Every structure is written in C-alpha cells, then in structure tokens.
Amino acid sequence: MQAVKEPSRTENEVSLRIPSAQSGVDIVGILHHRHPAQQQTGDVALILHGLMAHKNQSYHRELAAALPMDSFRFDFRGNGETGGTWGMCNIGNDIEDLQAVVHHLRHQLGYRIELIVGHSRGSLDAWAYLGRDERLRWDDDTDVPFLVAVSGRWEMMRVLDRYDMYKRGFEKEGVFRWRVKSADVQREYPVYPSDLGRMATFPIRSIVRRIPVHTDVLIIHGTEDRTVPVQDASSYLHELSSNPRRAPDAQQIHLIQGSDHMYKGYTQPVVEHILGWYHQRKAANKAAPSPEQARL
C-alpha cells in the first residue's frame, strides 16, 4: 500500500500517512520542505518524539523550520494521530515504524537519511535503530551520518524510582492507568508490571557500543531535568569516547542551563545548538580525508 498525501498544513508542510507493520494502521507525520517549490532534496532529517508525546512537542516545529534540509516528524504507533497499540516498552514497534518511514522516504521519495534527532524515548529509539543487529538492517544502503540524542536515559533501572506511583494500580487491577494530556487530547496509557521490568533491563550500553563508528553524535540535556538525571548525558559521552575506533571529536555534549526535560522556555537554545553542531561537523567531515585517502 502506498502512503497517502493529505492537504498541506502550511506552505512548507504536507501530511503523510505511511502504512505501518500493524494491519490497518498508518503512521501519520509531517514532511517539512525547506524549499516549498521543490518537492524534495537529497537529504532529510527525522525528528522523533518522546514517551506519551507527539510529533509537535517541545522544540520539534522550530527545529523543522530551522534545519537546512527537509525533515519528517511523525507519531509513533499509539501516539498523537497514529493509531495502533501503545506500550511503555514497545520499542520493537517503534523500530518497525522507523523502518517503514525510512523505506518510504528513501524508495518512494528519493531521500537519504542525513540526521536523526530523538527526544527522551525517541532517543532510545534512535540508538536502538542505529545499533540493531546486522540481520535486521534490511533496508539500509548507508548509515545515518548524524545523530542528536536529547534527554536520553542511561541508567534504565531508575524507571523503577516511580514504582510507588504505579503500585496502587498494580495492586488494584494489575495495571496503572497513566492519564495525561497529549496533543491537546486527554489520553490514558496502560502500564503493566512487565513493562517496568523490560524497561529497567533495556540494554542501552550494548546498543550504544554497536552504533556505526562514523556516526557523529551530539548529546543534549537540560541541567534541571527532573525526569532523566543530567548525569546520564555524561554516561553516554563516556561510553562513546571509550571506543578507540571513534574519532575524539565524533561525540560532543551540550548542557542547556536551567532547562527541564521538555525544554520549556529553552527550545531556541536547543535548535541553535543542533544547527551549530551540525554545520561544524559537516564541514569537518568534508575537510577530513576519506578512509581510502588516509591509508595512502
């Protein structure tokens, strides 16, 4: 089944519905064109949202408008405008959604995935996608050259810090019904005891070790984040830097002073630093000799 284009939301944007792996469920997203008169360029950025969130959360719209390339931001299954099953630890579903999106953008629209920016849960999705087993890379001709991981959790066991919040629901009916407002809609997200166990043991360390060594990484975190401790950002940096095959400047960290987990009031610094880092690393990589030249 082909993706469905819907009427433009703005002059620069068109809504796409891309079939997911779940029968009858389309992934809903927004393709932002850098140049409206041009259908697409060679490079595209993917902007990934966090847990119980949506494609227009936090800095997402501002980033799409500022990037020097087209971008696609979308709702994972069970979030925002995308139907289907939501689960606290459905990262496997998220990876399937990412694969469907990448396949469509590459094979139907002719794009190359240049950059992935993931917030919180979305950053875990990005790590898992880039670090997945070679046997699962069924649709990749090349690796993604740039990754921005925003507010990502490293110490996964700390998802159990909120156990007392879930406990009453678990004891009463075997499920905690997490009620939050997302995309201006009141929603209920069921959390089961098994979800916490799976998230607490999510193998982020081994995944990060497997990401391609030529993928440049920027780690961003707010210093006042009360959801994911800012110390987790340094753990990512340490793990990447300890890989002798990675260049010393291929991983960088930037802390947004005073910002919380959602960057309320601080979205512009996030966007500005992503752009500055991307242009700097793009220029550095262009100036560096290729692996073939370096061996001469």
Protein backbone atom coordinates (compact mmCIF):
# COMPACT_ATOMS: atom_id res chain seq x y z
CA MET A 1 0.00 0.00 0.00
CA GLN A 2 1.26 3.46 -0.88
CA ALA A 3 1.44 6.38 1.52
CA VAL A 4 -1.37 8.92 1.35
CA LYS A 5 -0.68 12.62 0.97
CA GLU A 6 -3.10 14.96 2.70
CA PRO A 7 -3.67 18.71 2.16
CA SER A 8 -0.77 20.93 3.22
CA ARG A 9 -0.87 22.32 6.76
CA THR A 10 1.32 25.25 5.72
CA GLU A 11 3.05 26.32 2.55
CA ASN A 12 6.07 24.27 3.61
CA GLU A 13 4.38 21.18 5.02
CA VAL A 14 2.40 18.20 3.82
CA SER A 15 0.87 15.47 5.95
CA LEU A 16 1.76 11.88 5.05
CA ARG A 17 0.17 8.61 6.08
CA ILE A 18 2.62 5.71 5.75
CA PRO A 19 1.41 2.11 6.27
CA SER A 20 2.85 0.55 9.41
CA ALA A 21 3.59 -3.11 10.13
CA GLN A 22 0.28 -3.27 12.03
CA SER A 23 -2.60 -4.06 9.67
CA GLY A 24 -4.89 -1.09 9.06
CA VAL A 25 -2.70 1.38 10.96
CA ASP A 26 -0.96 4.28 9.21
CA ILE A 27 1.93 6.27 10.63
CA VAL A 28 0.92 9.94 10.49
CA GLY A 29 3.63 12.52 10.01
CA ILE A 30 4.52 15.91 8.58
CA LEU A 31 7.02 16.35 5.77
CA HIS A 32 8.52 19.82 6.04
CA HIS A 33 10.02 21.14 2.81
CA ARG A 34 12.93 23.51 3.17
CA HIS A 35 12.04 24.98 -0.22
CA PRO A 36 8.26 24.84 -0.90
CA ALA A 37 8.59 25.00 -4.68
CA GLN A 38 10.82 21.93 -4.59
CA GLN A 39 9.22 18.56 -3.85
CA GLN A 40 12.27 17.16 -2.08
CA THR A 41 16.03 17.37 -1.84
CA GLY A 42 18.55 14.62 -1.33
CA ASP A 43 18.83 14.81 2.46
CA VAL A 44 16.15 14.57 5.13
CA ALA A 45 16.13 14.69 8.93
CA LEU A 46 13.93 12.53 11.15
CA ILE A 47 12.57 14.15 14.33
CA LEU A 48 11.44 11.62 16.95
CA HIS A 49 9.18 12.38 19.93
CA GLY A 50 9.30 11.03 23.47
CA LEU A 51 7.12 8.85 25.70
CA MET A 52 3.37 9.62 25.64
CA ALA A 53 4.09 12.54 23.34
CA HIS A 54 3.63 13.60 19.71
CA LYS A 55 5.33 14.98 16.63
CA ASN A 56 4.81 18.66 17.51
CA GLN A 57 6.06 18.55 21.10
CA SER A 58 8.75 20.79 22.58
CA TYR A 59 11.28 22.11 20.01
CA HIS A 60 10.09 19.95 17.07
CA ARG A 61 8.34 22.58 14.95
CA GLU A 62 11.08 25.16 15.49
CA LEU A 63 13.75 22.66 14.54
CA ALA A 64 11.91 21.63 11.37
CA ALA A 65 11.66 25.27 10.30
CA ALA A 66 15.34 25.96 11.00
CA LEU A 67 17.07 22.90 9.56
CA PRO A 68 18.99 23.34 6.28
CA MET A 69 17.22 20.28 4.82
CA ASP A 70 13.77 18.76 4.60
CA SER A 71 12.53 16.92 7.68
CA PHE A 72 9.90 14.39 8.66
CA ARG A 73 8.38 14.29 12.13
CA PHE A 74 5.77 11.68 12.93
CA ASP A 75 3.76 9.99 15.66
CA PHE A 76 4.81 6.50 16.68
CA ARG A 77 2.03 3.93 16.98
CA GLY A 78 -0.38 4.64 19.80
CA ASN A 79 0.66 8.31 19.99
CA GLY A 80 -0.74 11.52 18.55
CA GLU A 81 -2.61 10.97 15.30
CA THR A 82 -1.22 7.48 14.71
CA GLY A 83 -3.47 4.63 15.79
CA GLY A 84 -2.40 1.21 16.92
CA THR A 85 -1.20 -0.27 20.16
CA TRP A 86 0.77 1.77 22.69
CA GLY A 87 3.10 0.13 25.17
CA MET A 88 5.63 1.54 27.60
CA CYS A 89 8.28 -0.85 26.29
CA ASN A 90 7.10 -1.25 22.69
CA ILE A 91 10.46 -0.13 21.34
CA GLY A 92 10.29 -3.01 18.87
CA ASN A 93 7.16 -1.42 17.39
CA ASP A 94 8.93 1.94 17.25
CA ILE A 95 11.79 0.39 15.28
CA GLU A 96 9.30 -1.13 12.85
CA ASP A 97 7.75 2.32 12.45
CA LEU A 98 11.16 3.85 11.82
CA GLN A 99 11.95 1.20 9.22
CA ALA A 100 8.64 1.85 7.45
CA VAL A 101 9.31 5.59 7.44
CA VAL A 102 12.89 5.20 6.20
CA HIS A 103 11.79 2.77 3.48
CA HIS A 104 9.14 5.18 2.21
CA LEU A 105 11.32 8.28 2.32
CA ARG A 106 14.18 6.52 0.55
CA HIS A 107 12.41 4.38 -2.01
CA GLN A 108 9.28 6.42 -2.75
CA LEU A 109 10.58 9.97 -2.35
CA GLY A 110 14.28 9.55 -3.08
CA TYR A 111 15.62 10.87 0.21
CA ARG A 112 18.81 10.00 2.09
CA ILE A 113 18.57 9.98 5.89
CA GLU A 114 21.14 12.58 6.94
CA LEU A 115 20.19 13.25 10.55
CA ILE A 116 18.08 11.77 13.35
CA VAL A 117 17.07 13.89 16.34
CA GLY A 118 15.39 11.95 19.14
CA HIS A 119 13.97 13.27 22.40
CA SER A 120 13.89 11.07 25.53
CA ARG A 121 12.17 7.80 24.49
CA GLY A 122 12.76 8.91 20.89
CA SER A 123 16.49 8.97 21.57
CA LEU A 124 16.31 5.35 22.80
CA ASP A 125 14.51 4.52 19.56
CA ALA A 126 17.26 6.21 17.56
CA TRP A 127 20.04 4.38 19.41
CA ALA A 128 18.21 1.06 19.01
CA TYR A 129 17.62 1.68 15.31
CA LEU A 130 21.25 2.58 14.59
CA GLY A 131 22.67 -0.13 16.84
CA ARG A 132 20.43 -3.01 15.83
CA ASP A 133 21.76 -6.37 14.74
CA GLU A 134 23.14 -6.51 11.21
CA ARG A 135 20.49 -9.10 10.30
CA LEU A 136 17.78 -6.51 10.95
CA ARG A 137 19.27 -3.88 8.66
CA TRP A 138 17.14 -5.00 5.76
CA ASP A 139 16.63 -1.53 4.29
CA ASP A 140 19.92 0.28 4.77
CA ASP A 141 22.30 1.15 1.98
CA THR A 142 24.27 3.54 4.15
CA ASP A 143 24.49 4.51 7.81
CA VAL A 144 22.99 7.73 9.16
CA PRO A 145 25.88 10.21 9.48
CA PHE A 146 24.47 12.42 12.27
CA LEU A 147 22.55 11.69 15.48
CA VAL A 148 21.31 14.08 18.17
CA ALA A 149 20.21 12.37 21.40
CA VAL A 150 18.20 14.74 23.60
CA SER A 151 17.43 13.96 27.27
CA GLY A 152 18.09 10.25 26.88
CA ARG A 153 18.03 7.86 29.83
CA TRP A 154 21.15 5.82 30.54
CA GLU A 155 20.51 4.35 33.99
CA MET A 156 17.48 2.32 32.95
CA MET A 157 16.90 0.86 36.41
CA ARG A 158 15.78 4.31 37.51
CA VAL A 159 12.45 3.83 35.78
CA LEU A 160 11.65 1.91 38.98
CA ASP A 161 12.09 5.09 41.05
CA ARG A 162 8.42 5.84 40.38
CA TYR A 163 7.24 2.41 41.45
CA ASP A 164 5.15 3.82 44.29
CA MET A 165 3.14 5.78 41.72
CA TYR A 166 2.33 2.59 39.81
CA LYS A 167 1.91 0.32 42.82
CA ARG A 168 -1.70 1.17 43.71
CA GLY A 169 -2.92 0.43 40.19
CA PHE A 170 -0.92 -2.78 40.05
CA GLU A 171 -2.37 -4.00 43.33
CA LYS A 172 -5.93 -2.95 42.49
CA GLU A 173 -6.33 -4.19 38.91
CA GLY A 174 -2.92 -5.30 37.67
CA VAL A 175 -2.37 -2.15 35.61
CA PHE A 176 -1.58 1.51 36.23
CA ARG A 177 -3.66 3.80 34.04
CA TRP A 178 -1.48 6.79 33.27
CA ARG A 179 -3.75 9.70 32.35
CA VAL A 180 -2.06 12.61 30.64
CA LYS A 181 -2.91 15.30 28.12
CA SER A 182 -1.01 14.91 24.87
CA ALA A 183 -1.54 16.98 21.71
CA ASP A 184 -4.45 18.71 23.49
CA VAL A 185 -6.24 15.38 23.99
CA GLN A 186 -6.76 13.67 27.34
CA ARG A 187 -5.38 10.14 26.98
CA GLU A 188 -4.95 7.01 29.04
CA TYR A 189 -1.80 4.92 28.73
CA PRO A 190 -1.82 1.50 30.47
CA VAL A 191 1.38 0.47 32.23
CA TYR A 192 1.84 -3.15 33.35
CA PRO A 193 4.39 -4.56 35.82
CA SER A 194 6.11 -6.39 32.97
CA ASP A 195 6.61 -3.05 31.18
CA LEU A 196 8.67 -1.70 34.06
CA GLY A 197 10.75 -4.85 34.19
CA ARG A 198 11.53 -4.74 30.48
CA MET A 199 12.37 -1.04 30.51
CA ALA A 200 14.60 -1.44 33.57
CA THR A 201 16.66 -4.05 31.72
CA PHE A 202 16.74 -2.33 28.32
CA PRO A 203 20.33 -2.96 27.09
CA ILE A 204 21.28 0.61 26.23
CA ARG A 205 25.01 0.05 26.90
CA SER A 206 25.40 -2.77 24.40
CA ILE A 207 23.26 -0.91 21.86
CA VAL A 208 25.39 2.24 22.04
CA ARG A 209 28.53 0.13 21.54
CA ARG A 210 27.10 -1.14 18.24
CA ILE A 211 26.27 2.14 16.55
CA PRO A 212 28.36 2.87 13.44
CA VAL A 213 31.70 4.46 14.35
CA HIS A 214 31.31 7.05 11.61
CA THR A 215 28.03 8.41 13.01
CA ASP A 216 28.68 11.76 14.69
CA VAL A 217 26.72 12.16 17.92
CA LEU A 218 25.56 15.23 19.84
CA ILE A 219 24.16 14.69 23.34
CA ILE A 220 21.89 17.42 24.72
CA HIS A 221 20.46 17.57 28.24
CA GLY A 222 18.82 20.14 30.50
CA THR A 223 20.58 20.84 33.79
CA GLU A 224 17.25 20.99 35.65
CA ASP A 225 15.82 17.78 34.18
CA ARG A 226 13.82 16.03 36.92
CA THR A 227 12.74 13.13 34.69
CA VAL A 228 16.13 11.91 33.50
CA PRO A 229 19.15 13.00 35.59
CA VAL A 230 21.62 15.19 33.75
CA GLN A 231 24.41 12.79 34.77
CA ASP A 232 23.06 10.30 32.24
CA ALA A 233 24.31 12.54 29.43
CA SER A 234 27.89 12.16 30.63
CA SER A 235 27.49 8.37 30.71
CA TYR A 236 26.59 8.37 27.01
CA LEU A 237 29.60 10.54 26.24
CA HIS A 238 31.92 8.30 28.23
CA GLU A 239 30.69 5.14 26.50
CA LEU A 240 31.14 6.64 23.05
CA SER A 241 34.52 8.17 23.86
CA SER A 242 35.84 4.86 25.19
CA ASN A 243 35.53 3.29 21.74
CA PRO A 244 39.04 3.55 20.22
CA ARG A 245 37.61 3.33 16.70
CA ARG A 246 35.68 6.58 17.13
CA ALA A 247 37.34 9.94 16.47
CA PRO A 248 37.82 12.06 19.62
CA ASP A 249 35.52 14.81 18.36
CA ALA A 250 32.86 12.49 16.89
CA GLN A 251 30.83 12.77 20.10
CA GLN A 252 30.01 16.01 21.88
CA ILE A 253 27.82 17.06 24.78
CA HIS A 254 25.93 20.28 25.41
CA LEU A 255 24.01 21.11 28.58
CA ILE A 256 21.14 23.60 28.43
CA GLN A 257 21.49 25.59 31.64
CA GLY A 258 18.24 25.89 33.60
CA SER A 259 16.18 23.69 31.28
CA ASP A 260 13.82 20.91 32.33
CA HIS A 261 13.09 17.66 30.48
CA MET A 262 10.76 19.30 27.94
CA TYR A 263 12.88 22.44 27.40
CA LYS A 264 10.02 24.73 28.30
CA GLY A 265 11.26 28.23 27.58
CA TYR A 266 14.52 26.84 26.18
CA THR A 267 13.56 25.45 22.78
CA GLN A 268 15.51 28.08 20.87
CA PRO A 269 18.86 27.23 22.51
CA VAL A 270 18.25 23.57 21.65
CA VAL A 271 17.61 24.40 17.99
CA GLU A 272 20.54 26.81 17.76
CA HIS A 273 22.99 24.33 19.21
CA ILE A 274 21.83 21.49 16.97
CA LEU A 275 22.30 23.72 13.93
CA GLY A 276 25.72 24.97 15.05
CA TRP A 277 26.95 21.45 15.78
CA TYR A 278 25.59 20.05 12.51
CA HIS A 279 27.25 22.73 10.37
CA GLN A 280 30.54 22.37 12.27
CA ARG A 281 30.66 18.59 11.98
CA LYS A 282 29.50 18.62 8.35
CA ALA A 283 32.34 20.98 7.45
CA ALA A 284 34.89 18.99 9.47
CA ASN A 285 33.90 15.71 7.84
CA LYS A 286 34.03 17.27 4.40
CA ALA A 287 37.56 18.53 5.04
CA ALA A 288 38.80 15.24 6.52
CA PRO A 289 40.41 12.67 4.21
CA SER A 290 38.33 9.65 3.31
CA PRO A 291 39.33 6.27 4.82
CA GLU A 292 40.81 5.33 1.44
CA GLN A 293 42.88 8.54 1.28
CA ALA A 294 44.04 8.12 4.88
CA ARG A 295 45.59 4.75 4.01
CA LEU A 296 47.71 6.21 1.20
